C-alpha atoms as a PDB file:
ATOM      1  CA  MET A   1     -26.411  27.072  10.093  1.00  0.00           C
ATOM      2  CA  TYR A   2     -22.377  25.853  10.292  1.00  0.00           C
ATOM      3  CA  LEU A   3     -22.074  24.671  13.938  1.00  0.00           C
ATOM      4  CA  LEU A   4     -19.018  25.230  15.844  1.00  0.00           C
ATOM      5  CA  PRO A   5     -16.957  22.803  18.059  1.00  0.00           C
ATOM      6  CA  ARG A   6     -15.946  23.349  21.813  1.00  0.00           C
ATOM      7  CA  THR A   7     -12.853  24.402  20.753  1.00  0.00           C
ATOM      8  CA  CYS A   8     -12.972  26.970  17.845  1.00  0.00           C
ATOM      9  CA  SER A   9      -9.362  26.906  17.474  1.00  0.00           C
ATOM     10  CA  PHE A  10      -6.516  25.075  17.778  1.00  0.00           C
ATOM     11  CA  SER A  11      -2.260  24.702  16.471  1.00  0.00           C
ATOM     12  CA  LEU A  12      -1.135  22.482  14.107  1.00  0.00           C
ATOM     13  CA  ALA A  13       2.880  22.101  13.749  1.00  0.00           C
ATOM     14  CA  VAL A  14       3.797  20.545  10.587  1.00  0.00           C
ATOM     15  CA  VAL A  15       7.313  18.849  10.435  1.00  0.00           C
ATOM     16  CA  GLN A  16       9.340  19.242   7.449  1.00  0.00           C
ATOM     17  CA  LEU A  17      12.075  15.956   7.983  1.00  0.00           C
ATOM     18  CA  ARG A  18      15.795  15.634   6.938  1.00  0.00           C
ATOM     19  CA  VAL A  19      15.673  11.895   5.566  1.00  0.00           C
ATOM     20  CA  SER A  20      18.594   9.689   5.548  1.00  0.00           C
ATOM     21  CA  LYS A  21      18.931   6.829   4.616  1.00  0.00           C
ATOM     22  CA  ILE A  22      18.930   5.081   8.590  1.00  0.00           C
ATOM     23  CA  LYS A  23      15.718   4.304   9.629  1.00  0.00           C
ATOM     24  CA  ALA A  24      16.499   4.314  13.137  1.00  0.00           C
ATOM     25  CA  ASP A  25      18.047   7.877  12.667  1.00  0.00           C
ATOM     26  CA  ASN A  26      14.774   8.699  11.084  1.00  0.00           C
ATOM     27  CA  LEU A  27      12.590   7.245  13.452  1.00  0.00           C
ATOM     28  CA  GLY A  28      14.506   9.462  16.191  1.00  0.00           C
ATOM     29  CA  ARG A  29      14.225  12.578  14.840  1.00  0.00           C
ATOM     30  CA  ALA A  30      10.977  12.601  14.317  1.00  0.00           C
ATOM     31  CA  GLN A  31      10.265  11.489  17.708  1.00  0.00           C
ATOM     32  CA  LYS A  32      12.521  14.303  18.482  1.00  0.00           C
ATOM     33  CA  LEU A  33      10.720  16.675  17.037  1.00  0.00           C
ATOM     34  CA  VAL A  34       7.414  15.768  17.339  1.00  0.00           C
ATOM     35  CA  LYS A  35       7.809  16.601  21.112  1.00  0.00           C
ATOM     36  CA  GLU A  36       9.144  19.708  20.126  1.00  0.00           C
ATOM     37  CA  ALA A  37       5.833  20.554  18.762  1.00  0.00           C
ATOM     38  CA  ALA A  38       3.776  19.473  21.502  1.00  0.00           C
ATOM     39  CA  GLY A  39       6.273  21.742  23.627  1.00  0.00           C
ATOM     40  CA  GLN A  40       5.130  24.852  21.372  1.00  0.00           C
ATOM     41  CA  GLY A  41       1.102  23.944  22.108  1.00  0.00           C
ATOM     42  CA  ALA A  42       0.753  21.735  18.888  1.00  0.00           C
ATOM     43  CA  LYS A  43      -2.507  19.503  19.479  1.00  0.00           C
ATOM     44  CA  VAL A  44      -2.064  18.020  15.857  1.00  0.00           C
ATOM     45  CA  VAL A  45       0.952  16.850  14.432  1.00  0.00           C
ATOM     46  CA  VAL A  46       2.146  16.134  10.826  1.00  0.00           C
ATOM     47  CA  LEU A  47       4.975  13.780   9.352  1.00  0.00           C
ATOM     48  CA  PRO A  48       6.274  13.835   5.641  1.00  0.00           C
ATOM     49  CA  GLU A  49       5.012  11.452   3.346  1.00  0.00           C
ATOM     50  CA  CYS A  50       7.958   8.442   3.389  1.00  0.00           C
ATOM     51  CA  PHE A  51       9.338   9.933   6.806  1.00  0.00           C
ATOM     52  CA  ASN A  52      11.219   6.039   7.485  1.00  0.00           C
ATOM     53  CA  SER A  53      12.923   5.784   4.326  1.00  0.00           C
ATOM     54  CA  PRO A  54      14.301   7.719   0.841  1.00  0.00           C
ATOM     55  CA  TYR A  55      11.697   8.578  -1.473  1.00  0.00           C
ATOM     56  CA  GLY A  56      12.001   5.831  -4.222  1.00  0.00           C
ATOM     57  CA  THR A  57      10.901   2.605  -6.456  1.00  0.00           C
ATOM     58  CA  GLY A  58      14.332   0.981  -5.041  1.00  0.00           C
ATOM     59  CA  PHE A  59      14.041   1.689  -1.634  1.00  0.00           C
ATOM     60  CA  PHE A  60      10.329   0.913  -0.864  1.00  0.00           C
ATOM     61  CA  ALA A  61      10.560  -2.785  -0.497  1.00  0.00           C
ATOM     62  CA  GLU A  62      13.603  -2.725   1.481  1.00  0.00           C
ATOM     63  CA  TYR A  63      12.459  -0.560   4.232  1.00  0.00           C
ATOM     64  CA  ALA A  64       8.899  -1.635   4.003  1.00  0.00           C
ATOM     65  CA  GLU A  65       7.363  -2.593   7.722  1.00  0.00           C
ATOM     66  CA  LYS A  66       4.162  -4.315   8.307  1.00  0.00           C
ATOM     67  CA  ILE A  67       1.438  -2.678  10.635  1.00  0.00           C
ATOM     68  CA  PRO A  68       1.495  -2.738  13.159  1.00  0.00           C
ATOM     69  CA  GLY A  69       5.658  -2.532  13.258  1.00  0.00           C
ATOM     70  CA  GLU A  70       8.828  -0.912  13.807  1.00  0.00           C
ATOM     71  CA  SER A  71       7.680   2.465  12.820  1.00  0.00           C
ATOM     72  CA  THR A  72       4.067   2.727  13.864  1.00  0.00           C
ATOM     73  CA  ARG A  73       5.210   2.009  17.454  1.00  0.00           C
ATOM     74  CA  VAL A  74       7.399   4.702  17.189  1.00  0.00           C
ATOM     75  CA  LEU A  75       4.638   6.764  16.364  1.00  0.00           C
ATOM     76  CA  SER A  76       1.969   5.527  18.945  1.00  0.00           C
ATOM     77  CA  GLU A  77       4.379   5.682  21.439  1.00  0.00           C
ATOM     78  CA  ALA A  78       5.367   9.866  20.631  1.00  0.00           C
ATOM     79  CA  ALA A  79       1.750  10.712  20.275  1.00  0.00           C
ATOM     80  CA  ARG A  80       1.057   8.951  23.520  1.00  0.00           C
ATOM     81  CA  ASP A  81       3.809  10.615  25.132  1.00  0.00           C
ATOM     82  CA  CYS A  82       2.846  13.955  23.951  1.00  0.00           C
ATOM     83  CA  GLY A  83      -0.698  13.809  24.098  1.00  0.00           C
ATOM     84  CA  VAL A  84      -1.103  15.181  20.646  1.00  0.00           C
ATOM     85  CA  TYR A  85      -2.802  13.341  17.288  1.00  0.00           C
ATOM     86  CA  LEU A  86      -0.306  12.147  15.375  1.00  0.00           C
ATOM     87  CA  VAL A  87      -0.606  12.248  11.318  1.00  0.00           C
ATOM     88  CA  GLY A  88       2.358   9.824  10.744  1.00  0.00           C
ATOM     89  CA  GLY A  89       3.209  10.741   7.478  1.00  0.00           C
ATOM     90  CA  SER A  90       3.915   7.706   5.410  1.00  0.00           C
ATOM     91  CA  ILE A  91       5.866   4.486   5.289  1.00  0.00           C
ATOM     92  CA  PRO A  92       6.330   1.693   3.078  1.00  0.00           C
ATOM     93  CA  GLU A  93       3.957  -0.721   4.640  1.00  0.00           C
ATOM     94  CA  LYS A  94       4.125  -4.505   3.678  1.00  0.00           C
ATOM     95  CA  ASP A  95       1.153  -6.736   3.371  1.00  0.00           C
ATOM     96  CA  GLY A  96       1.326 -10.246   2.316  1.00  0.00           C
ATOM     97  CA  GLU A  97       2.947  -9.456  -1.496  1.00  0.00           C
ATOM     98  CA  LYS A  98       1.548  -5.976  -1.799  1.00  0.00           C
ATOM     99  CA  LEU A  99       3.586  -3.022  -0.497  1.00  0.00           C
ATOM    100  CA  TYR A 100       1.500   0.418   0.034  1.00  0.00           C
ATOM    101  CA  ASN A 101       2.306   3.736   0.642  1.00  0.00           C
ATOM    102  CA  THR A 102       0.494   3.983   3.937  1.00  0.00           C
ATOM    103  CA  CYS A 103      -0.358   6.896   6.324  1.00  0.00           C
ATOM    104  CA  SER A 104      -1.210   6.035   9.672  1.00  0.00           C
ATOM    105  CA  VAL A 105      -3.099   8.437  12.204  1.00  0.00           C
ATOM    106  CA  PHE A 106      -2.530   8.324  16.064  1.00  0.00           C
ATOM    107  CA  GLY A 107      -4.154   9.407  18.633  1.00  0.00           C
ATOM    108  CA  PRO A 108      -3.316  10.938  21.950  1.00  0.00           C
ATOM    109  CA  ASP A 109      -3.774   7.818  23.499  1.00  0.00           C
ATOM    110  CA  GLY A 110      -1.545   6.062  21.229  1.00  0.00           C
ATOM    111  CA  LYS A 111      -4.385   3.980  19.681  1.00  0.00           C
ATOM    112  CA  LEU A 112      -4.309   3.528  15.740  1.00  0.00           C
ATOM    113  CA  LEU A 113      -7.349   5.987  14.683  1.00  0.00           C
ATOM    114  CA  VAL A 114      -6.880   5.399  10.578  1.00  0.00           C
ATOM    115  CA  LYS A 115      -4.538   3.781   8.034  1.00  0.00           C
ATOM    116  CA  HIS A 116      -4.843   5.630   4.707  1.00  0.00           C
ATOM    117  CA  ARG A 117      -3.242   3.998   1.941  1.00  0.00           C
ATOM    118  CA  LYS A 118      -2.197   6.454  -1.257  1.00  0.00           C
ATOM    119  CA  ILE A 119      -5.087   5.904  -3.225  1.00  0.00           C
ATOM    120  CA  HIS A 120      -3.544   7.830  -6.440  1.00  0.00           C
ATOM    121  CA  LEU A 121      -0.292   6.214  -7.056  1.00  0.00           C
ATOM    122  CA  PHE A 122       2.439   8.689  -8.639  1.00  0.00           C
ATOM    123  CA  ASP A 123       3.151   7.391 -11.950  1.00  0.00           C
ATOM    124  CA  ILE A 124       3.830  10.484 -14.376  1.00  0.00           C
ATOM    125  CA  ASP A 125       6.619  11.214 -17.344  1.00  0.00           C
ATOM    126  CA  VAL A 126       7.591  14.856 -17.841  1.00  0.00           C
ATOM    127  CA  PRO A 127      10.026  14.442 -20.901  1.00  0.00           C
ATOM    128  CA  GLY A 128      13.418  15.838 -20.352  1.00  0.00           C
ATOM    129  CA  LYS A 129      12.985  16.394 -16.184  1.00  0.00           C
ATOM    130  CA  ILE A 130      11.212  13.634 -14.187  1.00  0.00           C
ATOM    131  CA  ARG A 131       9.732  10.061 -14.900  1.00  0.00           C
ATOM    132  CA  PHE A 132       8.441   8.167 -11.759  1.00  0.00           C
ATOM    133  CA  GLN A 133       6.444   4.630 -11.253  1.00  0.00           C
ATOM    134  CA  GLU A 134       4.966   4.476  -8.131  1.00  0.00           C
ATOM    135  CA  SER A 135       3.232   1.100  -9.847  1.00  0.00           C
ATOM    136  CA  GLU A 136       6.355  -0.312 -10.250  1.00  0.00           C
ATOM    137  CA  THR A 137       6.250  -1.499  -6.948  1.00  0.00           C
ATOM    138  CA  LEU A 138       3.205  -0.147  -4.958  1.00  0.00           C
ATOM    139  CA  SER A 139       0.220  -1.447  -5.076  1.00  0.00           C
ATOM    140  CA  PRO A 140      -3.079   2.169  -4.483  1.00  0.00           C
ATOM    141  CA  GLY A 141      -5.075   2.091  -1.486  1.00  0.00           C
ATOM    142  CA  ASN A 142      -9.120   1.467  -2.636  1.00  0.00           C
ATOM    143  CA  SER A 143     -10.553   3.835   0.746  1.00  0.00           C
ATOM    144  CA  LEU A 144     -11.104   7.078   2.163  1.00  0.00           C
ATOM    145  CA  SER A 145      -9.731   8.514   5.082  1.00  0.00           C
ATOM    146  CA  MET A 146     -11.359  10.340   7.654  1.00  0.00           C
ATOM    147  CA  PHE A 147     -10.769  11.358  11.467  1.00  0.00           C
ATOM    148  CA  GLU A 148     -12.117  13.037  14.165  1.00  0.00           C
ATOM    149  CA  THR A 149     -10.657  15.580  16.907  1.00  0.00           C
ATOM    150  CA  PRO A 150     -12.350  17.418  19.590  1.00  0.00           C
ATOM    151  CA  PHE A 151     -11.816  20.250  17.589  1.00  0.00           C
ATOM    152  CA  CYS A 152     -12.668  19.213  14.108  1.00  0.00           C
ATOM    153  CA  LYS A 153     -12.880  16.091  11.375  1.00  0.00           C
ATOM    154  CA  VAL A 154      -9.760  15.799   9.214  1.00  0.00           C
ATOM    155  CA  GLY A 155      -9.254  14.305   5.726  1.00  0.00           C
ATOM    156  CA  VAL A 156      -6.058  12.275   4.707  1.00  0.00           C
ATOM    157  CA  GLY A 157      -4.167  12.390   1.430  1.00  0.00           C
ATOM    158  CA  VAL A 158      -0.768  11.619   0.355  1.00  0.00           C
ATOM    159  CA  CYS A 159       1.009  13.272  -2.022  1.00  0.00           C
ATOM    160  CA  TYR A 160      -0.644  12.836  -5.984  1.00  0.00           C
ATOM    161  CA  ASP A 161      -4.074  12.327  -3.822  1.00  0.00           C
ATOM    162  CA  ILE A 162      -3.702  16.348  -3.945  1.00  0.00           C
ATOM    163  CA  ARG A 163      -4.106  16.471  -7.394  1.00  0.00           C
ATOM    164  CA  PHE A 164      -7.689  14.620  -7.282  1.00  0.00           C
ATOM    165  CA  ALA A 165     -10.269  17.635  -6.631  1.00  0.00           C
ATOM    166  CA  GLU A 166     -12.763  15.484  -6.150  1.00  0.00           C
ATOM    167  CA  LEU A 167     -11.416  13.383  -3.361  1.00  0.00           C
ATOM    168  CA  ALA A 168     -11.246  16.596  -1.296  1.00  0.00           C
ATOM    169  CA  HIS A 169     -14.388  17.253  -2.510  1.00  0.00           C
ATOM    170  CA  ILE A 170     -16.214  14.295  -0.829  1.00  0.00           C
ATOM    171  CA  TYR A 171     -13.901  14.759   2.704  1.00  0.00           C
ATOM    172  CA  ALA A 172     -15.653  18.648   2.595  1.00  0.00           C
ATOM    173  CA  LYS A 173     -19.162  16.743   2.228  1.00  0.00           C
ATOM    174  CA  LYS A 174     -18.679  14.517   4.890  1.00  0.00           C
ATOM    175  CA  GLY A 175     -17.631  17.143   7.422  1.00  0.00           C
ATOM    176  CA  CYS A 176     -13.869  17.585   7.050  1.00  0.00           C
ATOM    177  CA  GLN A 177     -12.618  21.137   8.095  1.00  0.00           C
ATOM    178  CA  LEU A 178      -9.372  20.285   7.542  1.00  0.00           C
ATOM    179  CA  LEU A 179      -7.407  18.288   5.101  1.00  0.00           C
ATOM    180  CA  VAL A 180      -4.018  16.923   5.528  1.00  0.00           C
ATOM    181  CA  TYR A 181      -1.213  15.518   2.819  1.00  0.00           C
ATOM    182  CA  PRO A 182       1.681  14.355   3.531  1.00  0.00           C
ATOM    183  CA  GLY A 183       3.452  15.039   0.279  1.00  0.00           C
ATOM    184  CA  ALA A 184       7.125  15.060  -1.486  1.00  0.00           C
ATOM    185  CA  PHE A 185       6.610  17.049  -4.358  1.00  0.00           C
ATOM    186  CA  ASN A 186       9.927  17.252  -6.445  1.00  0.00           C
ATOM    187  CA  MET A 187      12.168  20.089  -8.108  1.00  0.00           C
ATOM    188  CA  THR A 188      10.104  19.462 -11.116  1.00  0.00           C
ATOM    189  CA  THR A 189       6.503  19.667  -9.541  1.00  0.00           C
ATOM    190  CA  GLY A 190       7.432  21.344  -6.734  1.00  0.00           C
ATOM    191  CA  PRO A 191       7.559  24.852  -7.904  1.00  0.00           C
ATOM    192  CA  ALA A 192       4.584  24.431 -10.549  1.00  0.00           C
ATOM    193  CA  HIS A 193       2.174  23.071  -8.557  1.00  0.00           C
ATOM    194  CA  TRP A 194       3.074  22.411  -5.097  1.00  0.00           C
ATOM    195  CA  GLU A 195       1.292  25.898  -3.734  1.00  0.00           C
ATOM    196  CA  LEU A 196      -1.100  26.064  -6.684  1.00  0.00           C
ATOM    197  CA  LEU A 197      -2.928  22.635  -5.359  1.00  0.00           C
ATOM    198  CA  GLN A 198      -3.377  23.475  -2.011  1.00  0.00           C
ATOM    199  CA  ARG A 199      -4.437  26.773  -2.336  1.00  0.00           C
ATOM    200  CA  GLY A 200      -6.805  25.397  -4.842  1.00  0.00           C
ATOM    201  CA  ARG A 201      -8.399  22.343  -2.609  1.00  0.00           C
ATOM    202  CA  ALA A 202      -8.351  24.838   0.027  1.00  0.00           C
ATOM    203  CA  VAL A 203     -10.574  27.351  -1.690  1.00  0.00           C
ATOM    204  CA  ASP A 204     -12.695  24.750  -3.475  1.00  0.00           C
ATOM    205  CA  ASN A 205     -13.446  23.468  -0.352  1.00  0.00           C
ATOM    206  CA  GLN A 206     -13.326  26.229   2.358  1.00  0.00           C
ATOM    207  CA  VAL A 207     -11.344  24.183   4.408  1.00  0.00           C
ATOM    208  CA  TYR A 208      -7.735  24.466   5.653  1.00  0.00           C
ATOM    209  CA  VAL A 209      -5.097  22.196   3.742  1.00  0.00           C
ATOM    210  CA  ALA A 210      -1.969  21.282   4.860  1.00  0.00           C
ATOM    211  CA  THR A 211       0.834  19.627   3.466  1.00  0.00           C
ATOM    212  CA  ALA A 212       4.179  18.249   4.660  1.00  0.00           C
ATOM    213  CA  SER A 213       7.048  17.657   2.567  1.00  0.00           C
ATOM    214  CA  PRO A 214      10.304  16.047   3.709  1.00  0.00           C
ATOM    215  CA  ALA A 215      13.233  18.487   3.438  1.00  0.00           C
ATOM    216  CA  ARG A 216      15.545  18.589   1.052  1.00  0.00           C
ATOM    217  CA  ASP A 217      18.308  16.487   0.348  1.00  0.00           C
ATOM    218  CA  GLU A 218      19.776  17.592  -3.018  1.00  0.00           C
ATOM    219  CA  SER A 219      22.817  14.391  -3.204  1.00  0.00           C
ATOM    220  CA  ALA A 220      19.472  12.118  -2.699  1.00  0.00           C
ATOM    221  CA  SER A 221      17.920  10.264  -5.431  1.00  0.00           C
ATOM    222  CA  TYR A 222      15.196  11.849  -5.365  1.00  0.00           C
ATOM    223  CA  VAL A 223      14.755  15.706  -4.309  1.00  0.00           C
ATOM    224  CA  ALA A 224      12.124  16.782  -2.131  1.00  0.00           C
ATOM    225  CA  TRP A 225      11.013  20.487  -2.724  1.00  0.00           C
ATOM    226  CA  GLY A 226      10.339  21.017   0.661  1.00  0.00           C
ATOM    227  CA  HIS A 227       8.198  24.058   1.585  1.00  0.00           C
ATOM    228  CA  SER A 228       5.544  22.350   3.996  1.00  0.00           C
ATOM    229  CA  SER A 229       2.594  25.105   4.356  1.00  0.00           C
ATOM    230  CA  VAL A 230      -1.051  25.864   5.469  1.00  0.00           C
ATOM    231  CA  VAL A 231      -3.254  27.649   3.702  1.00  0.00           C
ATOM    232  CA  ASN A 232      -6.946  29.246   5.388  1.00  0.00           C
ATOM    233  CA  PRO A 233     -10.154  28.193   3.809  1.00  0.00           C
ATOM    234  CA  TRP A 234      -9.632  31.756   2.118  1.00  0.00           C
ATOM    235  CA  GLY A 235      -6.979  29.946   0.296  1.00  0.00           C
ATOM    236  CA  GLU A 236      -4.025  31.693   1.500  1.00  0.00           C
ATOM    237  CA  VAL A 237      -0.497  30.687   2.421  1.00  0.00           C
ATOM    238  CA  ILE A 238      -0.610  31.489   6.357  1.00  0.00           C
ATOM    239  CA  VAL A 239       2.742  29.749   7.067  1.00  0.00           C
ATOM    240  CA  LYS A 240       5.253  27.940   4.721  1.00  0.00           C
ATOM    241  CA  ALA A 241       8.710  26.123   5.494  1.00  0.00           C
ATOM    242  CA  GLY A 242      11.451  26.535   3.496  1.00  0.00           C
ATOM    243  CA  PRO A 243      13.652  23.790   2.068  1.00  0.00           C
ATOM    244  CA  GLU A 244      15.586  22.557   5.319  1.00  0.00           C
ATOM    245  CA  GLU A 245      14.554  20.806   8.334  1.00  0.00           C
ATOM    246  CA  SER A 246      11.897  22.894  10.265  1.00  0.00           C
ATOM    247  CA  VAL A 247       8.389  22.658  12.360  1.00  0.00           C
ATOM    248  CA  VAL A 248       6.201  25.490  11.050  1.00  0.00           C
ATOM    249  CA  TYR A 249       3.115  26.256  13.135  1.00  0.00           C
ATOM    250  CA  ALA A 250      -0.512  27.317  12.476  1.00  0.00           C
ATOM    251  CA  ASP A 251      -3.754  28.002  14.013  1.00  0.00           C
ATOM    252  CA  ILE A 252      -6.252  26.241  12.886  1.00  0.00           C
ATOM    253  CA  ASP A 253      -9.421  28.813  13.775  1.00  0.00           C
ATOM    254  CA  LEU A 254     -12.665  27.225  12.951  1.00  0.00           C
ATOM    255  CA  GLN A 255     -14.728  30.229  13.769  1.00  0.00           C
ATOM    256  CA  TYR A 256     -12.680  32.304  10.832  1.00  0.00           C
ATOM    257  CA  LEU A 257     -13.717  28.866   8.620  1.00  0.00           C
ATOM    258  CA  ALA A 258     -17.642  29.918   9.296  1.00  0.00           C
ATOM    259  CA  ASP A 259     -17.216  33.089   8.652  1.00  0.00           C
ATOM    260  CA  VAL A 260     -15.956  32.649   5.005  1.00  0.00           C
ATOM    261  CA  ARG A 261     -18.569  29.698   4.245  1.00  0.00           C
ATOM    262  CA  GLN A 262     -21.098  32.387   5.371  1.00  0.00           C
ATOM    263  CA  GLN A 263     -19.256  35.364   3.370  1.00  0.00           C
ATOM    264  CA  ILE A 264     -19.553  32.883   0.483  1.00  0.00           C
ATOM    265  CA  PRO A 265     -21.651  30.173   0.477  1.00  0.00           C
ATOM    266  CA  ILE A 266     -21.001  27.686  -1.815  1.00  0.00           C
ATOM    267  CA  THR A 267     -22.238  24.772  -0.053  1.00  0.00           C
ATOM    268  CA  THR A 268     -25.609  25.820  -0.242  1.00  0.00           C
ATOM    269  CA  GLN A 269     -25.462  27.580  -3.449  1.00  0.00           C
ATOM    270  CA  ARG A 270     -23.856  24.423  -5.128  1.00  0.00           C
ATOM    271  CA  ARG A 271     -26.211  22.790  -8.171  1.00  0.00           C
ATOM    272  CA  ASN A 272     -26.531  19.384  -6.817  1.00  0.00           C
ATOM    273  CA  ASP A 273     -30.045  19.183  -9.255  1.00  0.00           C
ATOM    274  CA  LEU A 274     -26.936  19.207 -12.290  1.00  0.00           C
ATOM    275  CA  TYR A 275     -23.857  17.703 -10.833  1.00  0.00           C
ATOM    276  CA  SER A 276     -22.679  16.089  -7.788  1.00  0.00           C
ATOM    277  CA  VAL A 277     -19.459  13.900  -7.248  1.00  0.00           C
ATOM    278  CA  ASN A 278     -19.608  10.704  -5.067  1.00  0.00           C
ATOM    279  CA  SER A 279     -17.893   8.203  -3.040  1.00  0.00           C
ATOM    280  CA  VAL A 280     -17.923   4.482  -3.919  1.00  0.00           C
ATOM    281  CA  GLN A 281     -16.343   2.980  -1.451  1.00  0.00           C
ATOM    282  CA  GLU A 282     -15.155   4.617   2.132  1.00  0.00           C
ATOM    283  CA  GLY A 283     -13.025   2.712   4.610  1.00  0.00           C
END
């Protein structure tokens, strides 16, 4: 019923990078940690949201680049030199007069596979705790983003995108078995919802979910929660970083995914005669 790829498991690495105000340092450290991950056998490596600059509306314009540009050239070279699929977290992207929060994915040959502009902008207001309005400086993306590997198909979202179950469901319907979300939840939403949302997306769709956060920096204007994680199709957290800079690894076992789907066959039990979720526009 579920067709398995030629390789039923592979190693995934999530890089929880310490991000500073010095772009060159961020790029150099990212390159070093991707190389470290590849040396440990990782075939897919994920970097965090806004890995090349501090996260904040006051920084996006200053650090923004066109794609291709300095940061994506570093990502392309790292993917090619290490022979990995590299999910390049996200960077502030400048395109004409607009800025986007953009994730670029590169194949082992260094070629750009997909460019995902964050679809759902992080506009929240929790009185007494946090107010943040990405829409003050950023524009939203308008397309879904998936890419193929020899192991499985992968769906891409950025941070706030994880809150929207419909996006994950469409990715799963289209054959994605791994969903990756570079993200930077904060000290209010992180402890409340970071793990909950990952487990929800994983168990709802019987897929693996990986998230990559910047490391926590208490001195930053926006303090990231950290705790980058990988969750399996049963909804279990199989690896989780702490708050500090680190690389964590997980085996993505597609035979296990197939077993879970066979044991609890929600895909065939879904009442498509009563309800459905469909994409309107794709990349």
